[in-house]
Amino acid sequence: MRYLMDVATLREKLFDENVIILDARSNLARPDDGYYAYMEEHIVGAQYIHLEKDLSGEVRTHGGNHPLPDVETFSKKLRQLGVNNDSTVVVYDEGNEMFAPRAWFVLRYVGIENVYVLQGGFRAWKHATYPVTSETKERREGNFTPNVQHDLIITMEEVRDRNMDTEVLLDARAKNRYLGKTEPLYDKAGHIPGAKNFFWADILDEDGNWKSKEALQAHFANLKEYDTIITSCGSGISACPNVLALQIAGFDDVKLYVGSFSDWISYEENDIETKES
């Protein structure tokens, strides 16, 4: 499927110099856990990319808890990882989580066209008994230069002033957080007015695998009437699987509200809803 690569295909490309493999494993509560797991074992040739240090920028008064990284800083990191302008990049997390899609989105945002999420992640790779290692190896510095895709994101002001007839806002968080019944992270609970709840994990089947293109089209069928789909969550992480799933399903004008709910509530004048939209 578009933007997804299975482990057998990656195995065939494992020693292709033009293929860059990035390990994006993480844990929202303990972000360094992914790095520790990487150092213990990872796909041969993979290099680590950190959710907080690489895939997110500095937290400020506004912008949410996981703003996008500074483009030049991130581009320098990619060059250090050996990324060239024509590289194919494959990112993985532990197994169909939200972290590889976040990496996929940030990579697309800075202009990398050939970027894929590994279906099943590290767990599927191990299950297939493909090679893993604890060794790390630096690659020759790449020549990547950014080409920022500004149309992939949307600002708080644009979300606030959106045309409700042609633009729809999705909230990828669990139902209880969406309805404000529980909120473990922020001082305010609920959701952005008008947002529709599409829990990110519903893009996976009962076995935890990505649903087929046809199943995803059925999942998002009620969104066909809209010209633009805006995705959000708590801070721009779990919304990314929905971005990826929508792209697979054939929706073209899909945008990420990067700051999401954590940015929205940083503006005192913004209202919050606690009922189904």
Protein backbone atom coordinates (compact mmCIF):
# COMPACT_ATOMS: atom_id res chain seq x y z
CA MET A 1 0.00 0.00 0.00
CA ARG A 2 0.99 3.61 -0.51
CA TYR A 3 3.56 4.76 2.09
CA LEU A 4 3.70 1.31 3.75
CA MET A 5 6.46 -1.27 3.24
CA ASP A 6 6.32 -4.88 4.40
CA VAL A 7 9.25 -6.56 6.14
CA ALA A 8 9.99 -8.90 3.23
CA THR A 9 10.47 -5.95 0.89
CA LEU A 10 12.76 -4.19 3.36
CA ARG A 11 14.77 -7.40 3.77
CA GLU A 12 15.44 -7.35 0.03
CA LYS A 13 16.61 -3.74 0.26
CA LEU A 14 18.59 -4.15 3.49
CA PHE A 15 21.99 -3.47 1.96
CA ASP A 16 20.87 -0.97 -0.67
CA GLU A 17 23.00 2.13 -0.10
CA ASN A 18 20.14 4.37 -1.18
CA VAL A 19 17.83 3.04 1.54
CA ILE A 20 18.01 4.69 4.97
CA ILE A 21 16.37 2.83 7.86
CA LEU A 22 15.33 4.88 10.90
CA ASP A 23 14.33 3.41 14.25
CA ALA A 24 11.68 5.70 15.77
CA ARG A 25 10.68 3.59 18.78
CA SER A 26 9.57 5.67 21.74
CA ASN A 27 7.28 5.96 24.75
CA LEU A 28 5.35 9.14 25.48
CA ALA A 29 5.87 8.81 29.23
CA ARG A 30 9.53 7.73 28.93
CA PRO A 31 10.86 9.00 25.59
CA ASP A 32 14.36 7.56 26.10
CA ASP A 33 13.02 4.00 26.32
CA GLY A 34 13.12 3.75 22.54
CA TYR A 35 16.80 4.64 22.43
CA TYR A 36 17.61 2.06 25.10
CA ALA A 37 15.70 -0.55 23.09
CA TYR A 38 17.61 0.49 19.97
CA MET A 39 20.96 0.10 21.71
CA GLU A 40 19.95 -3.38 22.84
CA GLU A 41 18.97 -4.51 19.35
CA HIS A 42 17.67 -3.05 16.11
CA ILE A 43 17.33 -3.81 12.41
CA VAL A 44 20.73 -4.16 10.80
CA GLY A 45 21.81 -0.79 9.43
CA ALA A 46 19.10 1.18 11.25
CA GLN A 47 19.89 4.48 12.92
CA TYR A 48 17.96 6.01 15.78
CA ILE A 49 15.79 9.11 15.58
CA HIS A 50 14.45 10.52 18.86
CA LEU A 51 10.85 11.70 19.29
CA GLU A 52 11.69 14.58 21.61
CA LYS A 53 15.20 15.53 20.47
CA ASP A 54 14.84 15.10 16.70
CA LEU A 55 11.18 14.90 15.70
CA SER A 56 9.98 17.74 17.94
CA GLY A 57 11.00 21.34 18.51
CA GLU A 58 11.30 23.56 21.55
CA VAL A 59 8.12 23.86 23.61
CA ARG A 60 7.00 27.47 23.97
CA THR A 61 3.94 29.29 25.31
CA HIS A 62 2.00 28.39 22.18
CA GLY A 63 2.53 25.65 19.64
CA GLY A 64 1.72 22.60 21.72
CA ASN A 65 3.78 19.95 23.49
CA HIS A 66 5.38 18.50 20.34
CA PRO A 67 5.92 21.30 17.82
CA LEU A 68 7.73 20.48 14.61
CA PRO A 69 11.53 20.64 14.81
CA ASP A 70 13.52 23.53 13.40
CA VAL A 71 13.88 22.71 9.71
CA GLU A 72 17.60 23.47 9.43
CA THR A 73 18.46 21.59 12.63
CA PHE A 74 16.44 18.57 11.51
CA SER A 75 17.92 18.67 8.01
CA LYS A 76 21.42 18.66 9.49
CA LYS A 77 20.46 15.60 11.54
CA LEU A 78 19.20 13.85 8.42
CA ARG A 79 22.44 14.57 6.58
CA GLN A 80 24.34 13.09 9.53
CA LEU A 81 22.20 9.98 9.15
CA GLY A 82 23.25 9.74 5.52
CA VAL A 83 20.05 11.00 3.91
CA ASN A 84 20.38 12.29 0.36
CA ASN A 85 17.82 14.12 -1.73
CA ASP A 86 17.02 10.90 -3.61
CA SER A 87 17.11 8.53 -0.62
CA THR A 88 14.35 6.08 0.19
CA VAL A 89 13.68 6.28 3.92
CA VAL A 90 11.94 3.53 5.91
CA VAL A 91 10.89 4.26 9.49
CA TYR A 92 9.70 1.81 12.11
CA ASP A 93 8.54 1.69 15.72
CA GLU A 94 7.84 -1.30 17.96
CA GLY A 95 4.82 -2.33 15.94
CA ASN A 96 2.13 -0.23 14.25
CA GLU A 97 2.25 2.51 16.87
CA MET A 98 2.08 6.28 16.47
CA PHE A 99 5.81 7.04 16.47
CA ALA A 100 6.81 5.83 13.00
CA PRO A 101 3.92 7.77 11.42
CA ARG A 102 5.09 10.91 13.27
CA ALA A 103 8.57 10.40 11.81
CA TRP A 104 7.02 9.70 8.40
CA PHE A 105 5.07 12.96 8.60
CA VAL A 106 8.03 15.12 9.65
CA LEU A 107 10.16 13.61 6.90
CA ARG A 108 7.49 14.40 4.33
CA TYR A 109 7.12 17.90 5.75
CA VAL A 110 10.78 18.69 5.08
CA GLY A 111 10.47 17.38 1.54
CA ILE A 112 11.44 13.70 1.47
CA GLU A 113 9.18 12.05 -1.09
CA ASN A 114 10.16 8.40 -0.82
CA VAL A 115 9.41 7.66 2.82
CA TYR A 116 7.65 4.57 4.14
CA VAL A 117 6.42 3.16 7.44
CA LEU A 118 7.39 -0.46 8.07
CA GLN A 119 4.25 -2.55 8.49
CA GLY A 120 4.34 -4.39 11.81
CA GLY A 121 7.45 -2.52 12.90
CA PHE A 122 10.32 -4.13 14.79
CA ARG A 123 8.03 -6.84 16.18
CA ALA A 124 7.17 -8.09 12.68
CA TRP A 125 10.82 -7.96 11.63
CA LYS A 126 11.81 -10.10 14.61
CA HIS A 127 8.91 -12.48 14.03
CA ALA A 128 10.21 -13.06 10.51
CA THR A 129 13.64 -13.87 12.04
CA TYR A 130 15.32 -11.23 9.92
CA PRO A 131 18.73 -9.95 11.08
CA VAL A 132 19.08 -7.66 14.09
CA THR A 133 22.14 -6.27 15.81
CA SER A 134 23.29 -4.13 18.71
CA GLU A 135 26.08 -2.61 16.64
CA THR A 136 25.84 0.94 15.34
CA LYS A 137 27.57 2.19 12.23
CA GLU A 138 27.86 5.76 11.02
CA ARG A 139 27.02 6.45 7.41
CA ARG A 140 28.68 8.85 5.03
CA GLU A 141 27.12 12.31 5.40
CA GLY A 142 24.26 12.91 3.01
CA ASN A 143 23.42 15.90 0.82
CA PHE A 144 19.79 16.40 1.83
CA THR A 145 18.42 19.92 1.40
CA PRO A 146 14.93 20.69 2.71
CA ASN A 147 11.95 21.58 0.57
CA VAL A 148 9.32 22.40 3.17
CA GLN A 149 5.76 21.33 2.34
CA HIS A 150 3.82 24.06 4.13
CA ASP A 151 0.50 22.78 2.78
CA LEU A 152 0.74 19.70 5.03
CA ILE A 153 0.10 21.70 8.21
CA ILE A 154 -2.47 24.16 9.50
CA THR A 155 -2.35 26.82 12.21
CA MET A 156 -4.58 27.40 15.21
CA GLU A 157 -6.07 30.48 13.55
CA GLU A 158 -6.91 28.48 10.43
CA VAL A 159 -8.54 25.77 12.55
CA ARG A 160 -10.54 28.36 14.48
CA ASP A 161 -11.70 30.11 11.30
CA ARG A 162 -12.26 26.99 9.19
CA ASN A 163 -15.24 26.61 6.88
CA MET A 164 -17.35 23.96 8.62
CA ASP A 165 -19.06 23.04 5.35
CA THR A 166 -15.89 22.18 3.42
CA GLU A 167 -13.30 21.46 6.13
CA VAL A 168 -13.64 18.78 8.81
CA LEU A 169 -11.54 18.46 11.96
CA LEU A 170 -10.69 15.03 13.40
CA ASP A 171 -9.52 14.22 16.94
CA ALA A 172 -7.43 11.04 17.18
CA ARG A 173 -7.52 10.63 20.96
CA ALA A 174 -9.42 7.95 22.86
CA LYS A 175 -13.13 8.61 23.34
CA ASN A 176 -12.91 9.36 27.09
CA ARG A 177 -10.30 12.06 26.51
CA TYR A 178 -12.23 13.47 23.56
CA LEU A 179 -15.34 13.78 25.76
CA GLY A 180 -13.38 15.26 28.65
CA LYS A 181 -14.17 12.39 31.02
CA THR A 182 -10.48 11.90 31.70
CA GLU A 183 -7.40 14.00 30.94
CA PRO A 184 -4.02 12.78 32.20
CA LEU A 185 -1.86 15.45 30.59
CA TYR A 186 -3.52 18.87 30.49
CA ASP A 187 -5.31 21.27 32.82
CA LYS A 188 -8.35 21.39 30.55
CA ALA A 189 -10.38 18.47 29.22
CA GLY A 190 -12.56 17.99 26.17
CA HIS A 191 -12.00 18.76 22.50
CA ILE A 192 -11.88 21.56 19.96
CA PRO A 193 -15.45 22.59 19.04
CA GLY A 194 -16.74 20.70 16.04
CA ALA A 195 -14.02 18.04 16.05
CA LYS A 196 -15.10 14.50 15.18
CA ASN A 197 -13.60 11.60 17.12
CA PHE A 198 -11.62 9.16 14.96
CA PHE A 199 -9.48 7.22 17.45
CA TRP A 200 -6.15 6.56 15.77
CA ALA A 201 -5.97 2.86 16.67
CA ASP A 202 -9.19 2.20 14.75
CA ILE A 203 -7.12 2.19 11.56
CA LEU A 204 -5.76 -1.19 12.70
CA ASP A 205 -7.60 -4.50 12.47
CA GLU A 206 -8.33 -6.85 15.37
CA ASP A 207 -4.85 -8.36 15.04
CA GLY A 208 -3.18 -4.96 15.27
CA ASN A 209 -2.26 -4.81 11.59
CA TRP A 210 -2.95 -1.95 9.21
CA LYS A 211 -6.37 -2.25 7.63
CA SER A 212 -6.55 -2.65 3.86
CA LYS A 213 -7.04 0.34 1.60
CA GLU A 214 -10.66 -0.71 1.08
CA ALA A 215 -11.29 -1.04 4.83
CA LEU A 216 -9.76 2.39 5.44
CA GLN A 217 -11.94 3.89 2.72
CA ALA A 218 -14.96 2.44 4.51
CA HIS A 219 -13.69 3.74 7.86
CA PHE A 220 -13.46 7.29 6.50
CA ALA A 221 -16.45 7.06 4.13
CA ASN A 222 -18.41 9.83 5.86
CA LEU A 223 -15.61 12.31 5.18
CA LYS A 224 -15.92 12.24 1.39
CA GLU A 225 -18.19 15.28 1.38
CA TYR A 226 -15.39 17.51 2.68
CA ASP A 227 -12.69 19.16 0.58
CA THR A 228 -10.12 19.34 3.39
CA ILE A 229 -9.51 17.02 6.32
CA ILE A 230 -7.67 18.40 9.35
CA THR A 231 -6.20 15.92 11.80
CA SER A 232 -5.47 16.62 15.46
CA CYS A 233 -4.89 14.84 18.77
CA GLY A 234 -3.24 15.95 22.01
CA SER A 235 0.06 17.25 20.68
CA GLY A 236 0.51 16.13 17.08
CA ILE A 237 1.68 12.54 17.58
CA SER A 238 -1.31 10.18 17.45
CA ALA A 239 -2.91 12.28 14.70
CA CYS A 240 -0.13 11.18 12.34
CA PRO A 241 -1.41 7.60 11.89
CA ASN A 242 -4.70 9.13 10.76
CA VAL A 243 -2.83 11.33 8.26
CA LEU A 244 -1.14 8.25 6.86
CA ALA A 245 -4.35 6.21 6.80
CA LEU A 246 -6.25 8.99 5.05
CA GLN A 247 -3.53 9.23 2.41
CA ILE A 248 -3.69 5.47 1.86
CA ALA A 249 -7.48 5.72 1.55
CA GLY A 250 -7.07 8.24 -1.26
CA PHE A 251 -7.76 11.56 0.47
CA ASP A 252 -5.37 14.17 -0.93
CA ASP A 253 -5.99 17.39 1.00
CA VAL A 254 -5.09 16.23 4.50
CA LYS A 255 -3.47 18.59 6.99
CA LEU A 256 -2.03 18.18 10.49
CA TYR A 257 -2.80 20.68 13.22
CA VAL A 258 0.59 20.13 14.81
CA GLY A 259 -0.09 21.77 18.15
CA SER A 260 -3.50 20.10 18.42
CA PHE A 261 -5.40 20.25 21.73
CA SER A 262 -2.31 21.24 23.75
CA ASP A 263 -1.89 24.32 21.55
CA TRP A 264 -5.61 25.09 21.38
CA ILE A 265 -5.96 25.33 25.17
CA SER A 266 -2.92 27.62 25.43
CA TYR A 267 -5.21 30.39 24.16
CA GLU A 268 -7.57 31.36 26.97
CA GLU A 269 -10.20 32.68 24.55
CA ASN A 270 -10.65 29.31 22.81
CA ASP A 271 -13.75 27.33 23.71
CA ILE A 272 -13.81 23.60 24.52
CA GLU A 273 -16.57 21.05 23.96
CA THR A 274 -17.31 17.90 25.95
CA LYS A 275 -20.11 16.47 23.83
CA GLU A 276 -20.02 14.44 20.64
CA SER A 277 -19.65 16.56 17.50
